Amino acid sequence: LKPVAFIGTRLKSGNTPILSAIWGVREFGLPPSSVDSLSVFNMAGKQRVLDTHIHLAENWKDGLDGLKNVWLPEMPPSFQNLKWTEEALIKENESAGGSFEIEGFVFVECANVPALAEAQWVLDMAKSPSSKIKAVVANIPVPDGKQAVDEFLAGLDEGGALPSELKGGRVVLLGNPMPAPDACLAPLYIQGLEALRDRGLLWEWCCMPEAIPSITKVCAQFPSMTFVLDHLGHNSGGDDFETWGPALEALAANENVIAKLGAIEEWNVSDPAPYLDHALKVFGPERVLAESNWFVNSAKGDAYDLTFKRILEACNRAKYTQAQVDKVFVDNARRVYSL
């Protein structure tokens, strides 16, 4: 019998539940001298996960009491739910079998407007002890330059400091019309990133594969700033491994870049396994994050935990240790988002 998942604190003499340590030694034949380096095994067999990419929208249509969403009205009927809420997400995980133990969520902006009100709405949730939202990535207007960034952040100021739950910003390099692949190289965009860097915030990229080379150039200009590539930079990429693969590897050469594994439902690929495997190969276990992309995955018909299962399979193919798997699903997120 082999342990498949671990939870919680490290086994350390003096602060470890004795029964947990004894159970690990007895059931798995572990030498007592080794328990200090092991995590406590989750007897329920659940892999812990800190989901680094969820969206929320509630009562978002005109005439209702929620923030208006400017993206959802253009989406298919399956997206027209008025209650894309944290409570609904937790229920979906339970309905899927609850095979993953959710430690928390990172909210990522999703076109609720005004953008400042969206940030304030979710930051208030994150401050509540009853919420599992641990971090917020807001729609900070980096493409519009330093002044726009400074004005947005001033609107979130709490007595001279930003909310601790605010970790960074994102404006998608997607839309109709589609931004040029090199849009992020514009002088105003660079000024906006400088302003964000100076406030200690990270930036997330959401793009088509053809934008990755330009993103690579920008990330190289800011070696002290953390960048996160959402969805492996593969929105609607299709079966383009021959061009996407080398581009991702070049981006991964920048050690300040982290990649999110997810949004597979948006990749339009016949087999996601080679893409996940390549990401693990070029970024390694310490620079990837697990993301569900909820509620998009749900609206497209995927169970909440399907992407996590695929990531876990990729980790198994890579022969990751449990400690490395925990980095992919939990520990890296804590580090990247300072949780």
Protein backbone atom coordinates (compact mmCIF):
# COMPACT_ATOMS: atom_id res chain seq x y z
CA LEU A 1 0.00 0.00 0.00
CA LYS A 2 1.30 3.43 -0.94
CA PRO A 3 0.16 6.82 0.41
CA VAL A 4 -1.46 8.95 -2.28
CA ALA A 5 -2.05 12.26 -0.49
CA PHE A 6 -1.01 14.15 2.59
CA ILE A 7 -2.47 16.99 4.59
CA GLY A 8 -1.59 19.74 6.96
CA THR A 9 1.52 20.28 8.99
CA ARG A 10 4.81 18.46 8.85
CA LEU A 11 5.40 15.75 11.42
CA LYS A 12 7.64 17.35 13.99
CA SER A 13 8.56 16.17 17.41
CA GLY A 14 6.64 18.05 20.08
CA ASN A 15 3.76 19.42 18.02
CA THR A 16 2.57 16.44 15.99
CA PRO A 17 -0.53 14.43 16.92
CA ILE A 18 1.00 11.22 18.23
CA LEU A 19 -1.64 8.97 16.70
CA SER A 20 -0.97 10.40 13.24
CA ALA A 21 2.74 9.70 13.50
CA ILE A 22 2.22 6.21 14.86
CA TRP A 23 -0.41 5.44 12.18
CA GLY A 24 2.01 6.48 9.42
CA VAL A 25 4.79 4.30 10.80
CA ARG A 26 2.61 1.27 11.40
CA GLU A 27 0.50 1.29 8.24
CA PHE A 28 3.23 2.08 5.73
CA GLY A 29 6.23 0.54 7.44
CA LEU A 30 7.96 3.92 7.64
CA PRO A 31 11.03 4.03 9.86
CA PRO A 32 10.38 6.21 12.92
CA SER A 33 13.44 8.28 12.02
CA SER A 34 11.75 9.39 8.80
CA VAL A 35 8.55 10.89 10.14
CA ASP A 36 10.06 14.36 10.59
CA SER A 37 10.32 14.72 6.80
CA LEU A 38 6.81 13.50 5.98
CA SER A 39 3.46 15.19 5.84
CA VAL A 40 0.51 13.74 7.72
CA PHE A 41 -1.32 11.29 5.49
CA ASN A 42 -4.92 12.17 4.77
CA MET A 43 -6.82 9.02 5.63
CA ALA A 44 -9.62 10.09 3.29
CA GLY A 45 -7.17 9.85 0.39
CA LYS A 46 -7.71 13.46 -0.72
CA GLN A 47 -5.11 15.65 -2.39
CA ARG A 48 -5.02 19.14 -0.96
CA VAL A 49 -5.40 21.94 -3.48
CA LEU A 50 -5.31 25.71 -3.38
CA ASP A 51 -7.29 26.60 -6.48
CA THR A 52 -5.48 29.56 -8.02
CA HIS A 53 -8.09 30.57 -10.57
CA ILE A 54 -11.80 31.06 -9.96
CA HIS A 55 -14.31 33.62 -11.18
CA LEU A 56 -17.45 34.89 -9.48
CA ALA A 57 -20.53 36.71 -10.74
CA GLU A 58 -23.82 37.14 -8.90
CA ASN A 59 -27.09 38.75 -9.99
CA TRP A 60 -25.09 40.27 -12.81
CA LYS A 61 -27.86 41.11 -15.28
CA ASP A 62 -29.32 44.58 -15.74
CA GLY A 63 -31.97 45.42 -13.17
CA LEU A 64 -30.64 43.12 -10.48
CA ASP A 65 -28.67 44.04 -7.37
CA GLY A 66 -25.29 42.63 -8.39
CA LEU A 67 -22.44 44.11 -10.38
CA LYS A 68 -23.09 44.07 -14.11
CA ASN A 69 -20.96 41.63 -16.06
CA VAL A 70 -20.05 42.75 -19.58
CA TRP A 71 -18.73 39.38 -20.78
CA LEU A 72 -21.38 36.85 -19.77
CA PRO A 73 -24.26 38.20 -21.92
CA GLU A 74 -22.32 37.27 -25.07
CA MET A 75 -21.69 33.71 -23.90
CA PRO A 76 -23.77 30.55 -24.59
CA PRO A 77 -26.83 29.67 -22.47
CA SER A 78 -24.81 27.48 -20.09
CA PHE A 79 -23.03 30.63 -18.85
CA GLN A 80 -26.21 32.52 -18.00
CA ASN A 81 -26.38 31.38 -14.37
CA LEU A 82 -27.01 34.30 -12.01
CA LYS A 83 -25.37 32.57 -9.07
CA TRP A 84 -21.76 31.88 -9.91
CA THR A 85 -20.93 32.11 -6.20
CA GLU A 86 -18.42 30.62 -3.80
CA GLU A 87 -21.21 28.60 -2.22
CA ALA A 88 -22.14 27.12 -5.59
CA LEU A 89 -18.51 26.26 -6.26
CA ILE A 90 -18.14 24.40 -2.96
CA LYS A 91 -21.30 22.44 -3.71
CA GLU A 92 -19.96 21.52 -7.15
CA ASN A 93 -16.82 20.10 -5.58
CA GLU A 94 -18.96 18.03 -3.23
CA SER A 95 -21.17 16.87 -6.11
CA ALA A 96 -18.07 15.79 -8.03
CA GLY A 97 -17.22 13.50 -5.14
CA GLY A 98 -15.08 15.87 -3.12
CA SER A 99 -11.96 13.95 -4.10
CA PHE A 100 -9.82 17.06 -3.57
CA GLU A 101 -9.58 18.91 -0.30
CA ILE A 102 -9.96 22.60 -1.11
CA GLU A 103 -7.76 24.77 1.09
CA GLY A 104 -8.65 28.04 -0.57
CA PHE A 105 -9.29 30.02 -3.74
CA VAL A 106 -7.63 32.82 -5.67
CA PHE A 107 -10.20 35.06 -7.35
CA VAL A 108 -9.23 36.39 -10.77
CA GLU A 109 -11.06 39.32 -12.36
CA CYS A 110 -13.81 38.40 -14.79
CA ALA A 111 -15.41 41.54 -16.27
CA ASN A 112 -17.73 42.54 -13.44
CA VAL A 113 -17.97 46.32 -13.70
CA PRO A 114 -16.90 48.77 -12.53
CA ALA A 115 -13.57 46.98 -12.09
CA LEU A 116 -12.83 48.82 -8.85
CA ALA A 117 -16.18 47.73 -7.41
CA GLU A 118 -15.45 44.13 -8.44
CA ALA A 119 -12.16 44.25 -6.55
CA GLN A 120 -13.80 45.76 -3.46
CA TRP A 121 -16.61 43.18 -3.58
CA VAL A 122 -14.27 40.18 -3.56
CA LEU A 123 -11.76 41.76 -1.16
CA ASP A 124 -14.61 42.07 1.35
CA MET A 125 -15.33 38.35 0.88
CA ALA A 126 -11.67 37.49 1.38
CA LYS A 127 -11.65 39.31 4.72
CA SER A 128 -14.50 37.15 6.01
CA PRO A 129 -13.53 34.12 8.13
CA SER A 130 -16.35 32.16 6.47
CA SER A 131 -14.83 32.51 2.98
CA LYS A 132 -12.13 30.34 1.42
CA ILE A 133 -11.03 33.16 -0.87
CA LYS A 134 -7.45 33.90 0.08
CA ALA A 135 -6.27 36.27 -2.63
CA VAL A 136 -7.59 38.66 -5.27
CA VAL A 137 -6.19 39.41 -8.73
CA ALA A 138 -7.99 42.55 -9.84
CA ASN A 139 -8.64 44.19 -13.20
CA ILE A 140 -5.91 46.79 -12.69
CA PRO A 141 -5.60 48.94 -15.85
CA VAL A 142 -1.92 48.32 -16.54
CA PRO A 143 -2.30 48.76 -20.34
CA ASP A 144 -3.40 52.37 -19.70
CA GLY A 145 -0.19 53.36 -17.95
CA LYS A 146 1.09 54.55 -14.59
CA GLN A 147 -1.57 57.18 -13.87
CA ALA A 148 -4.40 54.71 -14.44
CA VAL A 149 -2.74 52.14 -12.18
CA ASP A 150 -2.09 54.69 -9.42
CA GLU A 151 -5.70 55.94 -9.54
CA PHE A 152 -7.10 52.41 -9.35
CA LEU A 153 -4.92 51.43 -6.41
CA ALA A 154 -5.77 54.69 -4.63
CA GLY A 155 -9.39 53.55 -4.69
CA LEU A 156 -8.42 50.46 -2.68
CA ASP A 157 -6.13 52.22 -0.21
CA GLU A 158 -6.67 51.31 3.44
CA GLY A 159 -5.03 53.97 5.57
CA GLY A 160 -1.92 54.25 3.45
CA ALA A 161 -1.58 50.61 2.48
CA LEU A 162 -3.16 48.24 0.02
CA PRO A 163 -5.35 45.38 1.29
CA SER A 164 -3.15 42.39 2.10
CA GLU A 165 -5.52 40.17 0.12
CA LEU A 166 -4.79 42.09 -3.10
CA LYS A 167 -1.96 40.23 -4.79
CA GLY A 168 -1.88 41.50 -8.36
CA GLY A 169 -3.67 42.42 -11.53
CA ARG A 170 -4.77 41.15 -14.91
CA VAL A 171 -6.24 42.52 -18.13
CA VAL A 172 -6.74 39.77 -20.69
CA LEU A 173 -4.97 40.00 -24.04
CA LEU A 174 -8.16 38.72 -25.65
CA GLY A 175 -11.33 40.21 -27.10
CA ASN A 176 -13.06 41.40 -30.20
CA PRO A 177 -11.15 42.95 -31.80
CA MET A 178 -8.25 40.79 -30.64
CA PRO A 179 -5.29 42.81 -29.30
CA ALA A 180 -2.14 42.61 -31.40
CA PRO A 181 0.25 39.86 -30.26
CA ASP A 182 2.80 42.53 -29.28
CA ALA A 183 0.32 44.80 -27.48
CA CYS A 184 2.15 44.29 -24.19
CA LEU A 185 5.27 45.94 -25.62
CA ALA A 186 3.57 49.35 -25.91
CA PRO A 187 5.22 52.12 -23.84
CA LEU A 188 2.08 52.76 -21.78
CA TYR A 189 1.82 49.07 -20.96
CA ILE A 190 5.43 49.01 -19.76
CA GLN A 191 4.81 52.11 -17.62
CA GLY A 192 1.79 50.42 -16.08
CA LEU A 193 3.83 47.35 -15.21
CA GLU A 194 6.50 49.55 -13.63
CA ALA A 195 3.85 51.14 -11.43
CA LEU A 196 2.52 47.72 -10.42
CA ARG A 197 6.02 46.43 -9.67
CA ASP A 198 6.74 49.43 -7.49
CA ARG A 199 3.71 48.51 -5.35
CA GLY A 200 4.89 44.94 -4.92
CA LEU A 201 2.11 43.37 -6.98
CA LEU A 202 2.30 40.59 -9.56
CA TRP A 203 0.84 40.50 -13.07
CA GLU A 204 -1.07 37.68 -14.77
CA TRP A 205 -1.11 37.08 -18.51
CA CYS A 206 -4.12 35.61 -20.30
CA CYS A 207 -3.47 35.32 -24.01
CA MET A 208 -3.51 33.44 -27.28
CA PRO A 209 -0.32 31.43 -27.99
CA GLU A 210 0.93 33.94 -30.57
CA ALA A 211 1.38 36.54 -27.81
CA ILE A 212 3.82 34.40 -25.81
CA PRO A 213 7.01 35.64 -27.57
CA SER A 214 6.17 39.26 -26.75
CA ILE A 215 5.25 38.34 -23.19
CA THR A 216 8.64 36.65 -22.91
CA LYS A 217 10.37 39.91 -23.85
CA VAL A 218 8.40 41.87 -21.26
CA CYS A 219 9.06 39.39 -18.45
CA ALA A 220 12.79 39.63 -19.20
CA GLN A 221 12.60 43.41 -18.67
CA PHE A 222 11.27 42.95 -15.11
CA PRO A 223 13.43 40.26 -13.49
CA SER A 224 12.42 41.27 -9.96
CA MET A 225 8.67 41.10 -10.68
CA THR A 226 6.53 37.95 -10.56
CA PHE A 227 4.49 37.08 -13.64
CA VAL A 228 1.88 34.33 -13.88
CA LEU A 229 0.85 32.79 -17.19
CA ASP A 230 -2.79 31.78 -17.02
CA HIS A 231 -3.97 28.64 -18.83
CA LEU A 232 -0.44 27.93 -20.14
CA GLY A 233 -0.99 30.76 -22.61
CA HIS A 234 -3.14 28.46 -24.68
CA ASN A 235 -6.56 30.10 -25.02
CA SER A 236 -8.14 28.56 -28.14
CA GLY A 237 -4.71 27.47 -29.32
CA GLY A 238 -5.82 24.22 -30.94
CA ASP A 239 -3.37 21.43 -31.77
CA ASP A 240 -0.38 23.75 -32.18
CA PHE A 241 2.17 21.95 -30.04
CA GLU A 242 4.97 22.44 -32.58
CA THR A 243 4.82 26.22 -32.25
CA TRP A 244 3.42 26.58 -28.72
CA GLY A 245 5.95 24.19 -27.14
CA PRO A 246 9.13 26.10 -28.05
CA ALA A 247 7.48 29.42 -27.20
CA LEU A 248 6.55 28.16 -23.73
CA GLU A 249 10.06 26.83 -23.18
CA ALA A 250 11.55 30.22 -24.07
CA LEU A 251 9.19 31.92 -21.63
CA ALA A 252 10.09 29.42 -18.91
CA ALA A 253 13.73 30.51 -19.20
CA ASN A 254 12.64 33.60 -17.24
CA GLU A 255 12.72 32.38 -13.66
CA ASN A 256 10.26 35.08 -12.56
CA VAL A 257 7.45 33.42 -14.55
CA ILE A 258 5.00 30.92 -13.04
CA ALA A 259 2.56 28.90 -15.16
CA LYS A 260 -0.99 27.90 -14.31
CA LEU A 261 -2.08 24.42 -15.37
CA GLY A 262 -5.70 24.61 -16.38
CA ALA A 263 -8.50 25.95 -18.56
CA ILE A 264 -8.07 22.79 -20.64
CA GLU A 265 -11.69 23.16 -21.70
CA GLU A 266 -10.60 26.27 -23.64
CA TRP A 267 -7.53 24.83 -25.34
CA ASN A 268 -9.32 23.08 -28.22
CA VAL A 269 -6.77 20.25 -28.27
CA SER A 270 -7.39 16.59 -29.04
CA ASP A 271 -5.19 15.45 -26.13
CA PRO A 272 -4.12 17.79 -23.30
CA ALA A 273 -1.59 15.35 -21.83
CA PRO A 274 1.41 16.38 -24.00
CA TYR A 275 0.77 20.04 -23.15
CA LEU A 276 0.65 19.39 -19.41
CA ASP A 277 3.72 17.16 -19.62
CA HIS A 278 5.68 19.81 -21.51
CA ALA A 279 4.74 22.49 -18.99
CA LEU A 280 5.98 20.34 -16.12
CA LYS A 281 9.18 19.64 -18.04
CA VAL A 282 10.09 23.27 -18.79
CA PHE A 283 8.82 24.92 -15.60
CA GLY A 284 9.47 22.11 -13.13
CA PRO A 285 7.48 21.29 -10.00
CA GLU A 286 8.30 24.59 -8.28
CA ARG A 287 6.93 27.00 -10.91
CA VAL A 288 3.49 25.65 -11.79
CA LEU A 289 0.09 26.16 -10.15
CA ALA A 290 -3.14 24.17 -10.22
CA GLU A 291 -6.19 26.08 -11.44
CA SER A 292 -9.79 25.02 -12.06
CA ASN A 293 -10.87 28.05 -14.14
CA TRP A 294 -14.28 27.82 -12.47
CA PHE A 295 -16.94 28.81 -13.55
CA VAL A 296 -15.85 28.56 -17.18
CA ASN A 297 -15.09 24.86 -16.79
CA SER A 298 -18.51 24.26 -15.26
CA ALA A 299 -20.34 26.20 -17.97
CA LYS A 300 -18.54 24.10 -20.57
CA GLY A 301 -19.74 20.89 -18.94
CA ASP A 302 -16.65 19.76 -17.01
CA ALA A 303 -16.82 18.52 -13.43
CA TYR A 304 -15.10 20.89 -11.02
CA ASP A 305 -12.26 18.48 -10.30
CA LEU A 306 -11.60 17.18 -13.83
CA THR A 307 -8.62 19.46 -14.47
CA PHE A 308 -7.12 18.60 -11.09
CA LYS A 309 -7.35 14.91 -11.93
CA ARG A 310 -5.55 15.55 -15.22
CA ILE A 311 -2.83 17.52 -13.46
CA LEU A 312 -2.41 14.74 -10.94
CA GLU A 313 -2.07 12.23 -13.79
CA ALA A 314 0.62 14.44 -15.36
CA CYS A 315 2.48 14.56 -12.04
CA ASN A 316 2.32 10.78 -11.90
CA ARG A 317 3.72 10.52 -15.44
CA ALA A 318 6.55 12.80 -14.36
CA LYS A 319 7.14 10.49 -11.38
CA TYR A 320 6.81 13.35 -8.92
CA THR A 321 7.19 12.61 -5.23
CA GLN A 322 4.33 13.50 -2.92
CA ALA A 323 6.28 16.56 -1.80
CA GLN A 324 6.52 17.71 -5.43
CA VAL A 325 2.82 17.06 -6.01
CA ASP A 326 2.04 19.18 -2.97
CA LYS A 327 4.11 22.00 -4.46
CA VAL A 328 2.03 21.89 -7.65
CA PHE A 329 -1.30 21.85 -5.82
CA VAL A 330 -0.67 23.91 -2.70
CA ASP A 331 2.80 25.05 -1.72
CA ASN A 332 3.69 27.03 -4.84
CA ALA A 333 0.43 28.95 -4.56
CA ARG A 334 1.19 29.90 -0.99
CA ARG A 335 4.59 31.19 -2.06
CA VAL A 336 3.52 33.02 -5.22
CA TYR A 337 0.54 34.72 -3.56
CA SER A 338 2.27 35.23 -0.17
CA LEU A 339 -0.38 33.31 1.72
